[in-house]
Amino acid sequence: MKLALDPYMLRSVPLLELPGVVADLGYEHIELSPREDFTPFFLHPRAGRETVRQFKAALDAAGVSVACHLPLYRWSGPDEDERQAAVRYWKRAIELTVELDCRVMNSEFNGRPEAASLSEAQFWRSMEELLPVFEREGMQLRLEPHPDDFVEDGNVAVDMIRAIDSPLVSFLYCAPHTFHMGGDLTGIMEYAGDLLTHLHLADSFDHRGSSGLRYIVNPPGSTVRVHQHLDIGQGEVDWDAFFGTLGRLGFGERDDTIMTVCVFAWEERARQSCIANRESVEARTKAWPVPVTGR
């Protein structure tokens, strides 16, 4: 298993300096999330051959690797022109991932909940175009349900992935989305079984708490989704159950699994947050047969 850092809170760090900073924080692996200078949100990738060459040299010098690449595109959106553009962006992102000597990508279903059936149809259309590309490159794809997506429930997401029926496509459990996925942390992980290959680690409060009044959103009846990506232990995710279930399932003993720290809430103390969360993971997995360490 690899312990990676999503360096989104460090996105002001120049790309070529990022591997050294990540190494200084005690991590050997990066989950390369959207950056304006590489793969921006919802736009065509910006990186070219020379950028990739220089970034790879910086990674090698720091002793850091890209464990996975996370692009976000509207490949399931209701607008067909936008979907077609997203497929083109995906193809280029796959090329960049291969050039980085990485064979794992992760993303969201990325449709709209108010147009769920149309979004699902668009998703399958995109998968028909992209799955052969993933297969040709031997590229793994890990998918997560997300608040305000056409797939939000964890078990439904697992069923969708089972329906793709490819050994390259598996399930990502995002801890701060626990309460939007249905709240049954242990049940979803057990339901996923061997399809569970990837984790996102951050904390969140249960928006359903206090009779649905944990957060008050105006105007009443708004469909806004609320969640956080806090430091581990700052919210209401049951971390004892989380790590206990993973340990029982043997998650840390598998070579194909990735656990990513993806806290976004504390840019003003980003370095301290990254270190504290790595140490928290290391402490909570100490009793595992194969303990998790950043190095």
Protein backbone atom coordinates (compact mmCIF):
# COMPACT_ATOMS: atom_id res chain seq x y z
CA MET A 1 0.00 0.00 0.00
CA LYS A 2 1.11 3.57 -0.72
CA LEU A 3 0.46 6.58 1.51
CA ALA A 4 0.17 9.64 -0.70
CA LEU A 5 -0.43 13.36 -0.24
CA ASP A 6 -2.88 15.42 -2.27
CA PRO A 7 -0.90 18.70 -2.31
CA TYR A 8 -3.85 20.93 -3.22
CA MET A 9 -3.22 23.20 -0.22
CA LEU A 10 0.33 23.62 -1.59
CA ARG A 11 -0.74 24.53 -5.12
CA SER A 12 1.04 27.91 -4.89
CA VAL A 13 4.32 25.96 -4.70
CA PRO A 14 5.85 25.88 -8.22
CA LEU A 15 5.43 22.49 -9.88
CA LEU A 16 9.16 21.75 -10.01
CA GLU A 17 9.59 22.57 -6.31
CA LEU A 18 6.61 20.47 -5.22
CA PRO A 19 8.38 17.07 -5.00
CA GLY A 20 11.00 18.46 -2.61
CA VAL A 21 8.34 20.02 -0.40
CA VAL A 22 6.34 16.77 -0.32
CA ALA A 23 9.48 14.83 0.63
CA ASP A 24 10.21 17.31 3.43
CA LEU A 25 6.72 16.62 4.79
CA GLY A 26 7.56 12.92 5.09
CA TYR A 27 5.73 11.54 2.04
CA GLU A 28 7.13 9.43 -0.80
CA HIS A 29 4.04 9.63 -3.01
CA ILE A 30 1.85 12.35 -4.54
CA GLU A 31 -1.74 12.20 -5.70
CA LEU A 32 -1.50 14.79 -8.44
CA SER A 33 -4.77 16.70 -8.20
CA PRO A 34 -5.88 19.57 -10.49
CA ARG A 35 -3.36 22.39 -10.90
CA GLU A 36 -3.59 25.35 -13.26
CA ASP A 37 -0.16 24.51 -14.72
CA PHE A 38 -0.78 20.80 -15.32
CA THR A 39 -4.38 19.54 -15.45
CA PRO A 40 -6.78 22.35 -14.47
CA PHE A 41 -10.33 21.76 -13.32
CA PHE A 42 -12.60 20.98 -16.31
CA LEU A 43 -10.15 22.30 -18.94
CA HIS A 44 -7.69 20.74 -21.37
CA PRO A 45 -4.35 19.77 -19.75
CA ARG A 46 -1.69 22.49 -19.89
CA ALA A 47 1.43 20.38 -19.47
CA GLY A 48 3.62 19.58 -22.45
CA ARG A 49 6.51 17.20 -23.03
CA GLU A 50 9.16 19.51 -21.55
CA THR A 51 7.09 20.20 -18.43
CA VAL A 52 6.71 16.47 -17.86
CA ARG A 53 10.42 15.88 -18.40
CA GLN A 54 11.39 18.54 -15.86
CA PHE A 55 8.78 17.38 -13.35
CA LYS A 56 10.00 13.78 -13.60
CA ALA A 57 13.56 14.96 -12.96
CA ALA A 58 12.38 16.87 -9.88
CA LEU A 59 10.48 13.81 -8.64
CA ASP A 60 13.55 11.59 -9.08
CA ALA A 61 15.77 14.09 -7.29
CA ALA A 62 13.38 14.23 -4.31
CA GLY A 63 12.80 10.46 -4.17
CA VAL A 64 9.06 10.99 -4.73
CA SER A 65 6.68 9.35 -7.21
CA VAL A 66 3.25 10.18 -8.59
CA ALA A 67 1.13 7.36 -7.15
CA CYS A 68 -2.00 8.52 -8.95
CA HIS A 69 -3.28 11.33 -11.14
CA LEU A 70 -6.64 12.96 -10.39
CA PRO A 71 -8.26 14.86 -13.29
CA LEU A 72 -11.79 16.28 -13.06
CA TYR A 73 -13.83 16.62 -16.24
CA ARG A 74 -17.55 16.82 -17.02
CA TRP A 75 -17.59 13.49 -18.83
CA SER A 76 -21.08 12.70 -17.50
CA GLY A 77 -22.55 16.17 -17.85
CA PRO A 78 -25.90 16.59 -19.61
CA ASP A 79 -24.41 18.86 -22.29
CA GLU A 80 -23.14 16.69 -25.17
CA ASP A 81 -20.58 19.20 -26.51
CA GLU A 82 -19.12 19.48 -23.02
CA ARG A 83 -19.06 15.68 -22.67
CA GLN A 84 -17.20 15.27 -25.93
CA ALA A 85 -14.67 17.88 -24.85
CA ALA A 86 -14.22 16.07 -21.53
CA VAL A 87 -13.44 12.82 -23.35
CA ARG A 88 -10.75 14.61 -25.37
CA TYR A 89 -9.30 16.07 -22.16
CA TRP A 90 -9.33 12.61 -20.56
CA LYS A 91 -7.37 11.15 -23.45
CA ARG A 92 -4.65 13.77 -23.10
CA ALA A 93 -4.59 13.34 -19.30
CA ILE A 94 -4.08 9.60 -19.78
CA GLU A 95 -1.12 10.33 -22.07
CA LEU A 96 0.42 12.61 -19.45
CA THR A 97 -0.07 9.98 -16.74
CA VAL A 98 1.72 7.38 -18.84
CA GLU A 99 4.58 9.84 -19.44
CA LEU A 100 4.88 10.22 -15.65
CA ASP A 101 5.38 6.44 -15.35
CA CYS A 102 2.13 6.20 -13.41
CA ARG A 103 -0.64 3.70 -14.10
CA VAL A 104 -3.35 4.84 -11.68
CA MET A 105 -5.93 7.59 -12.20
CA ASN A 106 -8.85 8.51 -9.97
CA SER A 107 -11.83 10.78 -10.46
CA GLU A 108 -15.53 11.40 -9.85
CA PHE A 109 -18.59 10.36 -11.84
CA ASN A 110 -19.17 14.09 -12.43
CA GLY A 111 -22.75 14.39 -13.57
CA ARG A 112 -25.74 16.26 -12.18
CA PRO A 113 -28.17 14.92 -9.53
CA GLU A 114 -31.12 16.84 -10.99
CA ALA A 115 -30.49 15.06 -14.32
CA ALA A 116 -29.45 11.69 -12.94
CA SER A 117 -30.73 9.41 -15.71
CA LEU A 118 -29.31 11.59 -18.48
CA SER A 119 -26.01 11.91 -16.60
CA GLU A 120 -25.79 8.14 -16.24
CA ALA A 121 -26.42 7.70 -19.96
CA GLN A 122 -23.64 10.21 -20.67
CA PHE A 123 -21.31 8.39 -18.28
CA TRP A 124 -21.79 5.09 -20.10
CA ARG A 125 -21.27 6.80 -23.43
CA SER A 126 -17.96 8.23 -22.19
CA MET A 127 -16.91 4.89 -20.73
CA GLU A 128 -17.52 3.21 -24.10
CA GLU A 129 -15.02 5.65 -25.63
CA LEU A 130 -12.47 5.72 -22.82
CA LEU A 131 -12.37 2.19 -21.42
CA PRO A 132 -10.50 0.88 -24.50
CA VAL A 133 -7.90 3.61 -23.93
CA PHE A 134 -7.47 2.64 -20.28
CA GLU A 135 -7.15 -0.99 -21.34
CA ARG A 136 -4.62 -0.23 -24.08
CA GLU A 137 -2.42 1.67 -21.63
CA GLY A 138 -2.94 -0.70 -18.69
CA MET A 139 -4.25 2.29 -16.75
CA GLN A 140 -6.25 1.69 -13.57
CA LEU A 141 -9.23 3.96 -12.82
CA ARG A 142 -10.60 4.47 -9.31
CA LEU A 143 -14.02 6.19 -9.06
CA GLU A 144 -15.68 7.90 -6.10
CA PRO A 145 -19.24 9.07 -5.47
CA HIS A 146 -19.35 12.75 -4.64
CA PRO A 147 -21.84 15.14 -3.02
CA ASP A 148 -23.86 16.92 -5.73
CA ASP A 149 -23.14 14.22 -8.31
CA PHE A 150 -25.60 11.85 -9.98
CA VAL A 151 -24.03 9.10 -7.86
CA GLU A 152 -23.76 10.06 -4.18
CA ASP A 153 -24.58 6.80 -2.39
CA GLY A 154 -21.61 4.52 -1.69
CA ASN A 155 -23.32 1.20 -2.44
CA VAL A 156 -24.79 2.56 -5.67
CA ALA A 157 -21.31 3.63 -6.74
CA VAL A 158 -19.99 0.13 -6.05
CA ASP A 159 -22.81 -1.32 -8.17
CA MET A 160 -21.97 1.07 -11.01
CA ILE A 161 -18.33 -0.02 -10.90
CA ARG A 162 -19.33 -3.68 -10.85
CA ALA A 163 -21.44 -3.03 -13.94
CA ILE A 164 -18.40 -1.64 -15.80
CA ASP A 165 -17.00 -5.13 -15.23
CA SER A 166 -13.35 -4.31 -15.86
CA PRO A 167 -10.44 -5.43 -13.67
CA LEU A 168 -8.97 -1.95 -14.21
CA VAL A 169 -11.88 -0.03 -12.62
CA SER A 170 -12.38 0.01 -8.84
CA PHE A 171 -13.85 1.99 -5.93
CA LEU A 172 -12.45 4.95 -4.03
CA TYR A 173 -13.86 5.55 -0.53
CA CYS A 174 -13.63 9.24 0.39
CA ALA A 175 -13.92 9.55 4.19
CA PRO A 176 -15.19 13.17 4.28
CA HIS A 177 -18.06 12.10 2.00
CA THR A 178 -19.15 9.40 4.46
CA PHE A 179 -22.36 11.12 5.49
CA HIS A 180 -23.41 11.87 1.90
CA MET A 181 -22.65 8.25 0.91
CA GLY A 182 -25.22 6.98 3.41
CA GLY A 183 -23.22 7.03 6.63
CA ASP A 184 -22.62 3.27 6.89
CA LEU A 185 -18.83 3.40 6.69
CA THR A 186 -18.18 -0.24 7.56
CA GLY A 187 -21.05 -1.54 5.44
CA ILE A 188 -19.93 0.28 2.29
CA MET A 189 -16.34 -0.90 2.65
CA GLU A 190 -17.46 -4.48 3.19
CA TYR A 191 -19.87 -4.27 0.26
CA ALA A 192 -17.05 -3.05 -1.99
CA GLY A 193 -14.74 -5.87 -0.88
CA ASP A 194 -11.80 -6.28 -3.26
CA LEU A 195 -13.10 -3.37 -5.36
CA LEU A 196 -11.97 -1.04 -2.55
CA THR A 197 -8.51 0.04 -3.73
CA HIS A 198 -8.25 3.72 -2.81
CA LEU A 199 -8.99 5.98 0.16
CA HIS A 200 -9.19 9.72 0.68
CA LEU A 201 -8.48 10.79 4.25
CA ALA A 202 -10.01 13.92 5.75
CA ASP A 203 -12.67 14.58 8.36
CA SER A 204 -16.12 16.12 8.14
CA PHE A 205 -19.14 16.86 10.30
CA ASP A 206 -22.37 14.95 9.78
CA HIS A 207 -24.64 17.43 8.00
CA ARG A 208 -27.63 15.23 8.95
CA GLY A 209 -27.07 15.78 12.68
CA SER A 210 -29.23 17.78 15.04
CA SER A 211 -32.43 16.99 13.11
CA GLY A 212 -30.81 18.25 9.92
CA LEU A 213 -29.94 21.57 11.52
CA ARG A 214 -26.20 21.02 11.95
CA TYR A 215 -25.93 23.54 9.13
CA ILE A 216 -28.61 26.09 8.35
CA VAL A 217 -28.71 27.03 4.68
CA ASN A 218 -30.78 29.83 3.25
CA PRO A 219 -33.12 29.89 1.46
CA PRO A 220 -34.89 26.94 3.10
CA GLY A 221 -35.11 23.93 0.84
CA SER A 222 -31.83 24.65 -0.94
CA THR A 223 -30.24 21.57 -2.50
CA VAL A 224 -26.72 22.67 -1.57
CA ARG A 225 -24.43 19.88 -0.26
CA VAL A 226 -22.23 20.71 2.73
CA HIS A 227 -19.09 18.83 3.76
CA GLN A 228 -15.54 19.60 4.84
CA HIS A 229 -12.03 18.21 4.35
CA LEU A 230 -10.72 18.74 7.88
CA ASP A 231 -7.76 17.25 9.74
CA ILE A 232 -8.32 13.72 10.99
CA GLY A 233 -10.10 13.95 14.35
CA GLN A 234 -11.67 17.38 13.82
CA GLY A 235 -15.03 16.09 12.59
CA GLU A 236 -17.41 13.19 13.15
CA VAL A 237 -16.01 10.41 10.95
CA ASP A 238 -15.62 7.30 13.13
CA TRP A 239 -11.89 6.75 12.64
CA ASP A 240 -11.74 3.76 14.97
CA ALA A 241 -14.30 2.00 12.76
CA PHE A 242 -12.59 3.30 9.62
CA PHE A 243 -9.11 1.97 10.35
CA GLY A 244 -10.45 -1.08 12.17
CA THR A 245 -12.48 -2.13 9.13
CA LEU A 246 -9.55 -1.54 6.78
CA GLY A 247 -7.26 -3.58 9.01
CA ARG A 248 -9.76 -6.44 9.12
CA LEU A 249 -10.14 -6.33 5.32
CA GLY A 250 -6.36 -6.43 4.85
CA PHE A 251 -6.33 -3.16 2.90
CA GLY A 252 -2.79 -2.26 3.95
CA GLU A 253 -1.40 -5.63 2.89
CA ARG A 254 -2.34 -5.23 -0.77
CA ASP A 255 0.14 -3.91 -3.33
CA ASP A 256 -2.52 -2.16 -5.44
CA THR A 257 -3.99 0.08 -2.71
CA ILE A 258 -3.47 3.80 -2.08
CA MET A 259 -4.36 5.92 0.93
CA THR A 260 -4.28 9.68 0.25
CA VAL A 261 -4.31 12.51 2.78
CA CYS A 262 -6.55 15.13 1.14
CA VAL A 263 -7.20 17.85 3.71
CA PHE A 264 -8.16 21.21 2.14
CA ALA A 265 -9.30 23.32 5.10
CA TRP A 266 -6.07 24.77 6.46
CA GLU A 267 -4.02 26.52 3.78
CA GLU A 268 -2.69 28.95 6.39
CA ARG A 269 -0.95 26.02 8.11
CA ALA A 270 -0.75 23.57 5.25
CA ARG A 271 2.63 22.07 6.10
CA GLN A 272 1.73 21.45 9.75
CA SER A 273 -1.57 19.87 8.65
CA CYS A 274 0.13 17.52 6.17
CA ILE A 275 2.61 16.35 8.78
CA ALA A 276 0.02 15.94 11.55
CA ASN A 277 -2.28 13.86 9.34
CA ARG A 278 0.57 11.62 8.20
CA GLU A 279 1.52 11.04 11.82
CA SER A 280 -2.11 10.31 12.70
CA VAL A 281 -2.34 7.67 9.97
CA GLU A 282 0.94 6.10 11.05
CA ALA A 283 -0.22 5.94 14.68
CA ARG A 284 -3.65 4.50 13.81
CA THR A 285 -2.21 1.73 11.61
CA LYS A 286 0.67 0.77 13.91
CA ALA A 287 -1.04 -2.50 14.84
CA TRP A 288 -1.68 -3.53 11.22
CA PRO A 289 0.35 -6.49 9.90
CA VAL A 290 1.97 -4.01 7.48
CA PRO A 291 2.01 -0.61 9.24
CA VAL A 292 1.50 2.48 7.09
CA THR A 293 4.38 4.94 6.90
CA GLY A 294 5.02 7.97 4.76
CA ARG A 295 8.50 6.65 4.01
